[in-house]
Protein backbone atom coordinates (compact mmCIF):
# COMPACT_ATOMS: atom_id res chain seq x y z
CA MET A 1 0.00 0.00 0.00
CA LYS A 2 2.84 2.35 -0.90
CA GLN A 3 0.66 4.62 -3.05
CA LEU A 4 -2.16 5.02 -0.52
CA PRO A 5 -0.79 8.36 0.81
CA VAL A 6 -0.69 9.69 -2.76
CA VAL A 7 -4.34 8.80 -3.37
CA PHE A 8 -5.25 10.17 0.05
CA ARG A 9 -3.64 13.57 -0.60
CA ARG A 10 -5.17 13.80 -4.07
CA GLU A 11 -8.67 13.03 -2.83
CA LEU A 12 -8.49 15.26 0.25
CA ALA A 13 -7.28 18.19 -1.86
CA SER A 14 -10.15 17.62 -4.30
CA TYR A 15 -12.71 18.26 -1.56
CA PHE A 16 -11.40 21.74 -0.91
CA ALA A 17 -11.03 22.49 -4.62
CA THR A 18 -14.82 22.77 -4.94
CA PRO A 19 -17.53 24.51 -2.88
CA LEU A 20 -18.78 21.08 -1.76
CA ALA A 21 -16.45 20.97 1.24
CA TYR A 22 -17.44 24.35 2.54
CA VAL A 23 -21.16 23.77 1.98
CA PHE A 24 -20.96 20.44 3.81
CA ILE A 25 -19.07 21.94 6.76
CA VAL A 26 -21.43 24.91 7.08
CA ILE A 27 -24.54 22.70 6.96
CA PHE A 28 -23.03 20.28 9.49
CA LEU A 29 -22.09 23.06 11.92
CA VAL A 30 -25.44 24.84 11.62
CA LEU A 31 -27.49 21.67 12.08
CA SER A 32 -25.30 20.57 14.99
CA GLY A 33 -26.00 23.87 16.72
CA VAL A 34 -29.72 23.76 16.02
CA PHE A 35 -30.08 20.17 17.23
CA THR A 36 -27.99 20.79 20.34
CA PHE A 37 -29.33 24.12 21.57
CA TYR A 38 -32.93 23.98 20.36
CA LEU A 39 -34.09 20.40 19.86
CA GLY A 40 -31.72 19.09 22.53
CA GLU A 41 -32.67 21.87 24.98
CA PHE A 42 -29.04 22.34 25.99
CA PHE A 43 -29.63 25.24 28.38
CA GLU A 44 -32.95 23.99 29.75
CA ARG A 45 -31.37 20.70 30.93
CA GLY A 46 -29.06 22.50 33.34
CA GLN A 47 -26.34 19.84 32.97
CA ALA A 48 -22.74 20.43 31.94
CA ASP A 49 -22.35 17.75 29.28
CA LEU A 50 -22.64 17.33 25.52
CA ALA A 51 -25.25 14.56 25.53
CA PRO A 52 -27.69 16.66 23.42
CA PHE A 53 -24.88 17.22 20.91
CA PHE A 54 -23.94 13.56 20.46
CA ASN A 55 -27.47 12.14 20.68
CA PHE A 56 -28.38 13.57 17.28
CA HIS A 57 -25.24 12.46 15.43
CA PRO A 58 -26.61 9.11 14.18
CA TRP A 59 -29.53 10.98 12.59
CA LEU A 60 -27.46 13.90 11.36
CA TYR A 61 -24.97 11.55 9.72
CA LEU A 62 -27.78 9.50 8.19
CA PHE A 63 -28.25 12.17 5.53
CA LEU A 64 -25.06 14.22 5.52
CA VAL A 65 -22.50 11.40 5.32
CA PRO A 66 -24.23 9.58 2.41
CA ALA A 67 -24.15 12.90 0.56
CA LEU A 68 -20.40 12.92 1.09
CA ALA A 69 -19.94 9.24 0.23
CA MET A 70 -22.06 9.16 -2.92
CA ARG A 71 -19.34 10.83 -4.99
CA LEU A 72 -16.54 8.47 -3.95
CA TRP A 73 -16.93 6.05 -6.85
CA ALA A 74 -20.16 6.97 -8.67
CA GLU A 75 -18.59 10.18 -9.96
CA GLU A 76 -15.50 8.29 -11.13
CA ARG A 77 -17.67 5.78 -12.98
CA LYS A 78 -19.89 8.43 -14.55
CA SER A 79 -16.99 10.53 -15.81
CA GLY A 80 -15.01 7.48 -16.94
CA THR A 81 -11.98 8.40 -14.83
CA ILE A 82 -12.22 5.13 -12.92
CA GLU A 83 -10.63 3.33 -15.88
CA LEU A 84 -7.76 5.82 -15.80
CA LEU A 85 -7.40 5.43 -12.05
CA MET A 86 -7.23 1.66 -12.33
CA THR A 87 -4.47 1.85 -14.96
CA LEU A 88 -2.19 3.79 -12.62
CA PRO A 89 0.51 1.85 -10.72
CA ILE A 90 -1.62 1.52 -7.58
CA THR A 91 -3.33 -1.45 -6.03
CA ARG A 92 -7.05 -1.78 -5.48
CA ALA A 93 -6.43 -1.46 -1.75
CA ASP A 94 -4.54 1.81 -2.33
CA ALA A 95 -7.42 3.30 -4.30
CA VAL A 96 -10.20 2.16 -1.97
CA GLY A 97 -8.30 2.95 1.22
CA GLY A 98 -7.01 6.31 0.00
CA LYS A 99 -10.41 7.58 -1.11
CA PHE A 100 -12.08 6.35 2.07
CA LEU A 101 -9.46 7.85 4.39
CA ALA A 102 -9.67 11.20 2.60
CA ALA A 103 -13.44 11.33 3.12
CA TRP A 104 -13.06 10.13 6.72
CA VAL A 105 -10.45 12.76 7.55
CA PHE A 106 -12.62 15.42 5.92
CA ALA A 107 -15.54 14.32 8.11
CA GLY A 108 -13.17 14.48 11.07
CA ILE A 109 -12.22 18.06 10.19
CA ALA A 110 -15.89 19.04 10.14
CA LEU A 111 -16.33 17.33 13.52
CA LEU A 112 -13.32 19.11 15.03
CA LEU A 113 -14.76 22.47 13.98
CA THR A 114 -17.49 21.94 16.57
CA PHE A 115 -14.91 22.68 19.30
CA PRO A 116 -16.88 25.80 20.40
CA MET A 117 -19.35 23.31 21.89
CA VAL A 118 -16.62 22.02 24.19
CA LEU A 119 -15.54 25.54 25.12
CA THR A 120 -19.15 26.50 25.86
CA VAL A 121 -19.88 23.57 28.15
CA ASN A 122 -16.58 24.09 30.01
CA TYR A 123 -17.39 27.76 30.45
CA LEU A 124 -20.83 26.98 31.87
CA GLY A 125 -19.80 24.16 34.20
CA GLU A 126 -17.34 21.38 34.96
CA PRO A 127 -18.09 18.60 32.50
CA ASP A 128 -16.43 15.20 32.26
CA ASN A 129 -14.01 16.00 29.43
CA GLY A 130 -12.98 12.36 29.25
CA ALA A 131 -16.54 11.42 28.30
CA ILE A 132 -16.61 14.26 25.78
CA LEU A 133 -13.39 12.96 24.20
CA THR A 134 -14.78 9.43 23.90
CA GLY A 135 -17.95 10.93 22.45
CA TYR A 136 -15.90 12.55 19.69
CA ILE A 137 -14.06 9.29 19.07
CA GLY A 138 -17.36 7.43 18.84
CA SER A 139 -18.80 10.05 16.51
CA TRP A 140 -15.81 9.79 14.17
CA LEU A 141 -16.04 5.99 14.16
CA LEU A 142 -19.75 6.27 13.40
CA ALA A 143 -19.02 8.58 10.46
CA GLY A 144 -16.44 6.07 9.24
CA ALA A 145 -19.02 3.27 9.32
CA TYR A 146 -21.48 5.34 7.30
CA LEU A 147 -18.73 6.26 4.82
CA ALA A 148 -17.59 2.65 4.37
CA ILE A 149 -21.15 1.59 3.55
CA GLY A 150 -21.53 4.56 1.22
CA SER A 151 -18.24 3.72 -0.49
CA CYS A 152 -19.42 0.22 -1.35
CA LEU A 153 -22.82 1.32 -2.62
CA SER A 154 -21.26 4.17 -4.59
CA ALA A 155 -19.06 1.61 -6.35
CA LEU A 156 -22.15 -0.27 -7.51
CA THR A 157 -23.66 2.57 -9.54
CA ARG A 158 -22.67 5.53 -11.65
CA ASN A 159 -25.67 7.54 -10.43
CA GLN A 160 -24.88 9.58 -7.30
CA VAL A 161 -28.55 10.02 -6.36
CA ILE A 162 -29.10 6.27 -6.39
CA ALA A 163 -25.91 5.79 -4.33
CA PHE A 164 -27.20 8.37 -1.82
CA ILE A 165 -30.62 6.72 -1.46
CA LEU A 166 -29.17 3.21 -1.12
CA THR A 167 -26.69 4.38 1.51
CA VAL A 168 -29.40 6.11 3.55
CA CYS A 169 -31.56 2.98 3.45
CA VAL A 170 -28.79 0.56 4.45
CA CYS A 171 -27.49 2.85 7.21
CA PHE A 172 -31.02 3.26 8.52
CA LEU A 173 -31.30 -0.52 8.81
CA PHE A 174 -28.18 -0.58 10.97
CA VAL A 175 -29.57 2.23 13.12
CA ALA A 176 -33.08 0.79 13.39
CA SER A 177 -31.91 -2.71 14.36
CA GLY A 178 -31.64 -1.49 17.94
CA PHE A 179 -35.16 -0.07 18.15
CA PRO A 180 -37.51 -1.79 20.64
CA LEU A 181 -40.10 -2.09 17.87
CA VAL A 182 -37.70 -4.11 15.71
CA LEU A 183 -36.47 -6.24 18.60
CA ASP A 184 -40.04 -6.95 19.70
CA ALA A 185 -40.84 -8.16 16.19
CA PHE A 186 -38.00 -10.70 16.45
CA SER A 187 -38.57 -11.69 20.08
CA GLY A 188 -42.01 -13.05 19.24
CA TRP A 189 -40.59 -15.97 17.26
CA ALA A 190 -36.79 -15.90 17.29
CA PRO A 191 -34.50 -17.26 20.01
CA GLN A 192 -32.96 -14.75 22.39
CA THR A 193 -29.50 -15.22 20.89
CA LEU A 194 -30.78 -14.01 17.52
CA VAL A 195 -32.53 -11.04 19.13
CA ASP A 196 -29.29 -10.12 20.93
CA ALA A 197 -27.36 -10.46 17.66
CA VAL A 198 -29.74 -8.08 15.87
CA ALA A 199 -29.47 -5.58 18.73
CA ALA A 200 -25.67 -5.84 18.65
CA LEU A 201 -25.66 -4.74 14.99
CA SER A 202 -27.24 -1.41 15.84
CA PHE A 203 -25.15 1.74 15.45
CA LEU A 204 -27.22 3.31 18.23
CA THR A 205 -26.35 0.59 20.75
CA ARG A 206 -22.62 0.89 20.08
CA PHE A 207 -22.49 4.66 19.76
CA ASP A 208 -24.58 5.37 22.85
CA ALA A 209 -22.17 3.42 25.02
CA ILE A 210 -19.11 5.24 23.65
CA SER A 211 -20.73 8.68 23.79
CA LYS A 212 -21.41 8.15 27.51
CA GLY A 213 -17.72 7.61 28.19
CA VAL A 214 -17.59 3.81 28.03
CA LEU A 215 -14.81 2.95 25.58
CA ASP A 216 -15.33 -0.80 25.29
CA LEU A 217 -12.91 -2.78 23.14
CA ARG A 218 -15.85 -4.74 21.71
CA ASP A 219 -17.43 -1.55 20.37
CA LEU A 220 -14.14 -0.44 18.82
CA LEU A 221 -13.71 -3.84 17.18
CA TYR A 222 -17.29 -3.67 15.92
CA PHE A 223 -16.71 -0.41 14.06
CA ALA A 224 -13.26 -1.48 12.84
CA SER A 225 -14.50 -4.81 11.49
CA LEU A 226 -17.59 -3.24 9.92
CA ILE A 227 -15.49 -0.60 8.14
CA LEU A 228 -13.00 -3.22 6.94
CA ALA A 229 -15.79 -5.51 5.71
CA TRP A 230 -17.52 -2.79 3.69
CA LEU A 231 -14.23 -1.56 2.21
CA THR A 232 -13.45 -5.11 1.15
CA ALA A 233 -16.89 -5.26 -0.43
CA THR A 234 -16.07 -1.99 -2.21
CA ALA A 235 -12.98 -3.56 -3.80
CA VAL A 236 -15.03 -6.57 -4.88
CA ALA A 237 -17.74 -4.30 -6.34
CA ILE A 238 -15.14 -2.39 -8.35
CA ASP A 239 -13.76 -5.63 -9.79
CA LEU A 240 -17.25 -6.87 -10.67
CA LYS A 241 -18.16 -3.63 -12.43
CA LYS A 242 -14.85 -3.66 -14.23
CA ALA A 243 -15.64 -7.14 -15.49
CA ASP A 244 -18.94 -5.80 -16.86
């Protein structure tokens, strides 16, 4: 994977070469503020923490991250530059990993720009900054999971709108698998082990634990393995489409 840094730098620079990056960051920051201070009733709660900020991230990412991921491969396929990219002296892992990491780092930059939230809560009280740090780590891992899924689905089509819709639907399934309504539907006929397995797939279950300051190795391995699995699927999808 010697050429991965080259692909990474090229892709990351491409985000800031267009207004897309700035539009995405502005929308993310504005919505984060609205969800935290208005819908999350930050001041009304009277607690010095960022729970209202992190609680909305799975839903905020459900639409913003697929919009970021839909261009990863669909745009390359539509413009025909994917054939040129594949003829360069880089491996499939370099291309997939480099493009994913660039999008993930860009999402991380947008997340870091919410640092005024941390300054605000520290000014108003004495929060548990360790829990806030783990919340940021969990949020970044969550964004990576959404991006990995979006990368795979983007590789399956040349239409960015279709890639966006498919990514939203699949990510929603991962989020909704932890809902009591879904679990109740399984518990009526399925064994408890299957119900627990479905609940364990939920982004909400994993992210909620991390955002509350519980950095469990099992949750970290969950996100790492899910990202790796979907990136592997991305490479397979690229090969299949190339064969077509």
